[in-house]
Amino acid sequence: MTLVKGHPRTPIPVNVLTGFLGAGKTTLLSRHLKSPALADTAVIVNEFGEISLD
């Protein structure tokens, strides 16, 4: 990461959503992302298995 002189690093808030299969993670995330307050939210999906289950 390159820092621009005079511009300090600003922490980026991060939330991690975890849970068992069928616990409602996708439903919860989908409902929250519909909020206008989260219009500038990024979602990163990390699949560890060979197939994507969700």
PDB file of N, CA and C in Angstrom:
ATOM      1  N   MET A   1       0.842  -1.170   0.000  1.00  0.00           N
ATOM      2  CA  MET A   1       0.000   0.000   0.000  1.00  0.00           C
ATOM      3  C   MET A   1       0.886   1.231   0.000  1.00  0.00           C
ATOM      4  N   THR A   2       0.615   2.127  -0.904  1.00  0.00           N
ATOM      5  CA  THR A   2       1.369   3.370  -0.974  1.00  0.00           C
ATOM      6  C   THR A   2       0.600   4.464  -0.249  1.00  0.00           C
ATOM      7  N   LEU A   3       1.281   5.162   0.636  1.00  0.00           N
ATOM      8  CA  LEU A   3       0.661   6.266   1.356  1.00  0.00           C
ATOM      9  C   LEU A   3       0.979   7.576   0.663  1.00  0.00           C
ATOM     10  N   VAL A   4      -0.006   8.418   0.544  1.00  0.00           N
ATOM     11  CA  VAL A   4       0.188   9.743  -0.022  1.00  0.00           C
ATOM     12  C   VAL A   4       0.588  10.658   1.123  1.00  0.00           C
ATOM     13  N   LYS A   5       1.618  11.445   0.900  1.00  0.00           N
ATOM     14  CA  LYS A   5       2.114  12.333   1.944  1.00  0.00           C
ATOM     15  C   LYS A   5       0.996  13.256   2.428  1.00  0.00           C
ATOM     16  N   GLY A   6       0.822  13.309   3.740  1.00  0.00           N
ATOM     17  CA  GLY A   6      -0.197  14.161   4.320  1.00  0.00           C
ATOM     18  C   GLY A   6      -1.559  13.501   4.479  1.00  0.00           C
ATOM     19  N   HIS A   7      -1.709  12.263   4.004  1.00  0.00           N
ATOM     20  CA  HIS A   7      -2.979  11.552   4.127  1.00  0.00           C
ATOM     21  C   HIS A   7      -2.779  10.323   5.009  1.00  0.00           C
ATOM     22  N   PRO A   8      -3.214  10.393   6.268  1.00  0.00           N
ATOM     23  CA  PRO A   8      -3.042   9.240   7.156  1.00  0.00           C
ATOM     24  C   PRO A   8      -3.957   8.087   6.753  1.00  0.00           C
ATOM     25  N   ARG A   9      -3.590   6.898   7.161  1.00  0.00           N
ATOM     26  CA  ARG A   9      -4.433   5.730   6.901  1.00  0.00           C
ATOM     27  C   ARG A   9      -5.712   5.844   7.716  1.00  0.00           C
ATOM     28  N   THR A  10      -6.814   5.516   7.092  1.00  0.00           N
ATOM     29  CA  THR A  10      -8.100   5.518   7.768  1.00  0.00           C
ATOM     30  C   THR A  10      -8.572   4.078   7.899  1.00  0.00           C
ATOM     31  N   PRO A  11      -8.896   3.633   9.110  1.00  0.00           N
ATOM     32  CA  PRO A  11      -9.383   2.261   9.273  1.00  0.00           C
ATOM     33  C   PRO A  11     -10.678   2.040   8.490  1.00  0.00           C
ATOM     34  N   ILE A  12     -10.810   0.869   7.913  1.00  0.00           N
ATOM     35  CA  ILE A  12     -12.015   0.496   7.184  1.00  0.00           C
ATOM     36  C   ILE A  12     -12.796  -0.480   8.060  1.00  0.00           C
ATOM     37  N   PRO A  13     -14.060  -0.164   8.372  1.00  0.00           N
ATOM     38  CA  PRO A  13     -14.848  -1.092   9.187  1.00  0.00           C
ATOM     39  C   PRO A  13     -15.084  -2.398   8.435  1.00  0.00           C
ATOM     40  N   VAL A  14     -14.962  -3.506   9.137  1.00  0.00           N
ATOM     41  CA  VAL A  14     -15.154  -4.831   8.544  1.00  0.00           C
ATOM     42  C   VAL A  14     -16.082  -5.640   9.440  1.00  0.00           C
ATOM     43  N   ASN A  15     -17.049  -6.308   8.833  1.00  0.00           N
ATOM     44  CA  ASN A  15     -17.924  -7.241   9.543  1.00  0.00           C
ATOM     45  C   ASN A  15     -17.751  -8.607   8.912  1.00  0.00           C
ATOM     46  N   VAL A  16     -17.666  -9.636   9.735  1.00  0.00           N
ATOM     47  CA  VAL A  16     -17.542 -11.007   9.256  1.00  0.00           C
ATOM     48  C   VAL A  16     -18.819 -11.741   9.644  1.00  0.00           C
ATOM     49  N   LEU A  17     -19.475 -12.335   8.656  1.00  0.00           N
ATOM     50  CA  LEU A  17     -20.718 -13.068   8.886  1.00  0.00           C
ATOM     51  C   LEU A  17     -20.430 -14.552   8.726  1.00  0.00           C
ATOM     52  N   THR A  18     -20.594 -15.307   9.798  1.00  0.00           N
ATOM     53  CA  THR A  18     -20.342 -16.747   9.760  1.00  0.00           C
ATOM     54  C   THR A  18     -21.527 -17.480  10.370  1.00  0.00           C
ATOM     55  N   GLY A  19     -21.592 -18.762  10.128  1.00  0.00           N
ATOM     56  CA  GLY A  19     -22.644 -19.577  10.729  1.00  0.00           C
ATOM     57  C   GLY A  19     -22.746 -20.912  10.024  1.00  0.00           C
ATOM     58  N   PHE A  20     -23.534 -21.776  10.609  1.00  0.00           N
ATOM     59  CA  PHE A  20     -23.723 -23.111  10.056  1.00  0.00           C
ATOM     60  C   PHE A  20     -24.554 -23.053   8.784  1.00  0.00           C
ATOM     61  N   LEU A  21     -24.457 -24.091   7.979  1.00  0.00           N
ATOM     62  CA  LEU A  21     -25.245 -24.219   6.761  1.00  0.00           C
ATOM     63  C   LEU A  21     -26.729 -24.154   7.116  1.00  0.00           C
ATOM     64  N   GLY A  22     -27.462 -23.282   6.458  1.00  0.00           N
ATOM     65  CA  GLY A  22     -28.894 -23.156   6.704  1.00  0.00           C
ATOM     66  C   GLY A  22     -29.256 -22.248   7.865  1.00  0.00           C
ATOM     67  N   ALA A  23     -28.273 -21.543   8.416  1.00  0.00           N
ATOM     68  CA  ALA A  23     -28.527 -20.686   9.581  1.00  0.00           C
ATOM     69  C   ALA A  23     -29.190 -19.363   9.211  1.00  0.00           C
ATOM     70  N   GLY A  24     -29.200 -18.999   7.938  1.00  0.00           N
ATOM     71  CA  GLY A  24     -29.840 -17.754   7.508  1.00  0.00           C
ATOM     72  C   GLY A  24     -28.873 -16.623   7.198  1.00  0.00           C
ATOM     73  N   LYS A  25     -27.611 -16.953   6.952  1.00  0.00           N
ATOM     74  CA  LYS A  25     -26.599 -15.923   6.665  1.00  0.00           C
ATOM     75  C   LYS A  25     -26.942 -15.139   5.406  1.00  0.00           C
ATOM     76  N   THR A  26     -27.285 -15.834   4.344  1.00  0.00           N
ATOM     77  CA  THR A  26     -27.589 -15.179   3.074  1.00  0.00           C
ATOM     78  C   THR A  26     -28.841 -14.320   3.195  1.00  0.00           C
ATOM     79  N   THR A  27     -29.854 -14.818   3.875  1.00  0.00           N
ATOM     80  CA  THR A  27     -31.084 -14.054   4.080  1.00  0.00           C
ATOM     81  C   THR A  27     -30.802 -12.787   4.871  1.00  0.00           C
ATOM     82  N   LEU A  28     -30.053 -12.903   5.947  1.00  0.00           N
ATOM     83  CA  LEU A  28     -29.702 -11.745   6.765  1.00  0.00           C
ATOM     84  C   LEU A  28     -28.929 -10.713   5.952  1.00  0.00           C
ATOM     85  N   LEU A  29     -27.927 -11.177   5.225  1.00  0.00           N
ATOM     86  CA  LEU A  29     -27.110 -10.270   4.423  1.00  0.00           C
ATOM     87  C   LEU A  29     -27.943  -9.590   3.340  1.00  0.00           C
ATOM     88  N   SER A  30     -28.782 -10.343   2.662  1.00  0.00           N
ATOM     89  CA  SER A  30     -29.629  -9.781   1.605  1.00  0.00           C
ATOM     90  C   SER A  30     -30.555  -8.705   2.145  1.00  0.00           C
ATOM     91  N   ARG A  31     -31.131  -8.942   3.297  1.00  0.00           N
ATOM     92  CA  ARG A  31     -32.040  -7.950   3.895  1.00  0.00           C
ATOM     93  C   ARG A  31     -31.296  -6.690   4.309  1.00  0.00           C
ATOM     94  N   HIS A  32     -30.129  -6.849   4.886  1.00  0.00           N
ATOM     95  CA  HIS A  32     -29.359  -5.686   5.320  1.00  0.00           C
ATOM     96  C   HIS A  32     -28.846  -4.869   4.136  1.00  0.00           C
ATOM     97  N   LEU A  33     -28.471  -5.531   3.041  1.00  0.00           N
ATOM     98  CA  LEU A  33     -27.930  -4.816   1.887  1.00  0.00           C
ATOM     99  C   LEU A  33     -28.981  -3.981   1.160  1.00  0.00           C
ATOM    100  N   LYS A  34     -30.260  -4.209   1.436  1.00  0.00           N
ATOM    101  CA  LYS A  34     -31.324  -3.407   0.828  1.00  0.00           C
ATOM    102  C   LYS A  34     -31.441  -2.033   1.478  1.00  0.00           C
ATOM    103  N   SER A  35     -30.791  -1.845   2.611  1.00  0.00           N
ATOM    104  CA  SER A  35     -30.844  -0.574   3.330  1.00  0.00           C
ATOM    105  C   SER A  35     -30.050   0.489   2.576  1.00  0.00           C
ATOM    106  N   PRO A  36     -30.629   1.681   2.379  1.00  0.00           N
ATOM    107  CA  PRO A  36     -29.895   2.769   1.711  1.00  0.00           C
ATOM    108  C   PRO A  36     -28.602   3.145   2.438  1.00  0.00           C
ATOM    109  N   ALA A  37     -28.558   2.929   3.736  1.00  0.00           N
ATOM    110  CA  ALA A  37     -27.356   3.260   4.509  1.00  0.00           C
ATOM    111  C   ALA A  37     -26.167   2.384   4.113  1.00  0.00           C
ATOM    112  N   LEU A  38     -26.438   1.258   3.475  1.00  0.00           N
ATOM    113  CA  LEU A  38     -25.367   0.339   3.076  1.00  0.00           C
ATOM    114  C   LEU A  38     -25.108   0.370   1.573  1.00  0.00           C
ATOM    115  N   ALA A  39     -25.476   1.456   0.915  1.00  0.00           N
ATOM    116  CA  ALA A  39     -25.331   1.562  -0.541  1.00  0.00           C
ATOM    117  C   ALA A  39     -23.883   1.467  -0.998  1.00  0.00           C
ATOM    118  N   ASP A  40     -22.942   1.840  -0.158  1.00  0.00           N
ATOM    119  CA  ASP A  40     -21.526   1.797  -0.548  1.00  0.00           C
ATOM    120  C   ASP A  40     -20.796   0.601   0.064  1.00  0.00           C
ATOM    121  N   THR A  41     -21.538  -0.463   0.352  1.00  0.00           N
ATOM    122  CA  THR A  41     -20.977  -1.661   0.979  1.00  0.00           C
ATOM    123  C   THR A  41     -20.430  -2.621  -0.068  1.00  0.00           C
ATOM    124  N   ALA A  42     -19.302  -3.223   0.239  1.00  0.00           N
ATOM    125  CA  ALA A  42     -18.724  -4.268  -0.612  1.00  0.00           C
ATOM    126  C   ALA A  42     -18.872  -5.605   0.106  1.00  0.00           C
ATOM    127  N   VAL A  43     -19.125  -6.659  -0.656  1.00  0.00           N
ATOM    128  CA  VAL A  43     -19.253  -8.005  -0.097  1.00  0.00           C
ATOM    129  C   VAL A  43     -18.179  -8.876  -0.723  1.00  0.00           C
ATOM    130  N   ILE A  44     -17.410  -9.541   0.126  1.00  0.00           N
ATOM    131  CA  ILE A  44     -16.382 -10.471  -0.336  1.00  0.00           C
ATOM    132  C   ILE A  44     -16.819 -11.871   0.062  1.00  0.00           C
ATOM    133  N   VAL A  45     -16.884 -12.775  -0.914  1.00  0.00           N
ATOM    134  CA  VAL A  45     -17.286 -14.155  -0.658  1.00  0.00           C
ATOM    135  C   VAL A  45     -16.058 -15.031  -0.783  1.00  0.00           C
ATOM    136  N   ASN A  46     -15.831 -15.858   0.213  1.00  0.00           N
ATOM    137  CA  ASN A  46     -14.678 -16.754   0.208  1.00  0.00           C
ATOM    138  C   ASN A  46     -15.183 -18.182   0.320  1.00  0.00           C
ATOM    139  N   GLU A  47     -15.063 -18.930  -0.755  1.00  0.00           N
ATOM    140  CA  GLU A  47     -15.484 -20.328  -0.770  1.00  0.00           C
ATOM    141  C   GLU A  47     -14.261 -21.219  -0.659  1.00  0.00           C
ATOM    142  N   PHE A  48     -14.247 -22.083   0.334  1.00  0.00           N
ATOM    143  CA  PHE A  48     -13.108 -22.966   0.542  1.00  0.00           C
ATOM    144  C   PHE A  48     -13.246 -24.293  -0.201  1.00  0.00           C
ATOM    145  N   GLY A  49     -14.467 -24.741  -0.431  1.00  0.00           N
ATOM    146  CA  GLY A  49     -14.674 -26.041  -1.053  1.00  0.00           C
ATOM    147  C   GLY A  49     -14.534 -26.003  -2.561  1.00  0.00           C
ATOM    148  N   GLU A  50     -14.570 -27.184  -3.160  1.00  0.00           N
ATOM    149  CA  GLU A  50     -14.472 -27.279  -4.618  1.00  0.00           C
ATOM    150  C   GLU A  50     -15.761 -26.827  -5.296  1.00  0.00           C
ATOM    151  N   ILE A  51     -16.891 -26.939  -4.580  1.00  0.00           N
ATOM    152  CA  ILE A  51     -18.161 -26.480  -5.137  1.00  0.00           C
ATOM    153  C   ILE A  51     -18.721 -25.387  -4.238  1.00  0.00           C
ATOM    154  N   SER A  52     -19.463 -24.476  -4.838  1.00  0.00           N
ATOM    155  CA  SER A  52     -20.080 -23.397  -4.078  1.00  0.00           C
ATOM    156  C   SER A  52     -21.459 -23.853  -3.621  1.00  0.00           C
ATOM    157  N   LEU A  53     -21.690 -23.856  -2.315  1.00  0.00           N
ATOM    158  CA  LEU A  53     -22.971 -24.303  -1.781  1.00  0.00           C
ATOM    159  C   LEU A  53     -23.963 -23.171  -1.613  1.00  0.00           C
ATOM    160  N   ASP A  54     -23.479 -21.953  -1.452  1.00  0.00           N
ATOM    161  CA  ASP A  54     -24.372 -20.845  -1.145  1.00  0.00           C
ATOM    162  C   ASP A  54     -23.949 -19.598  -1.890  1.00  0.00           C
TER     163      ASP A  54
END
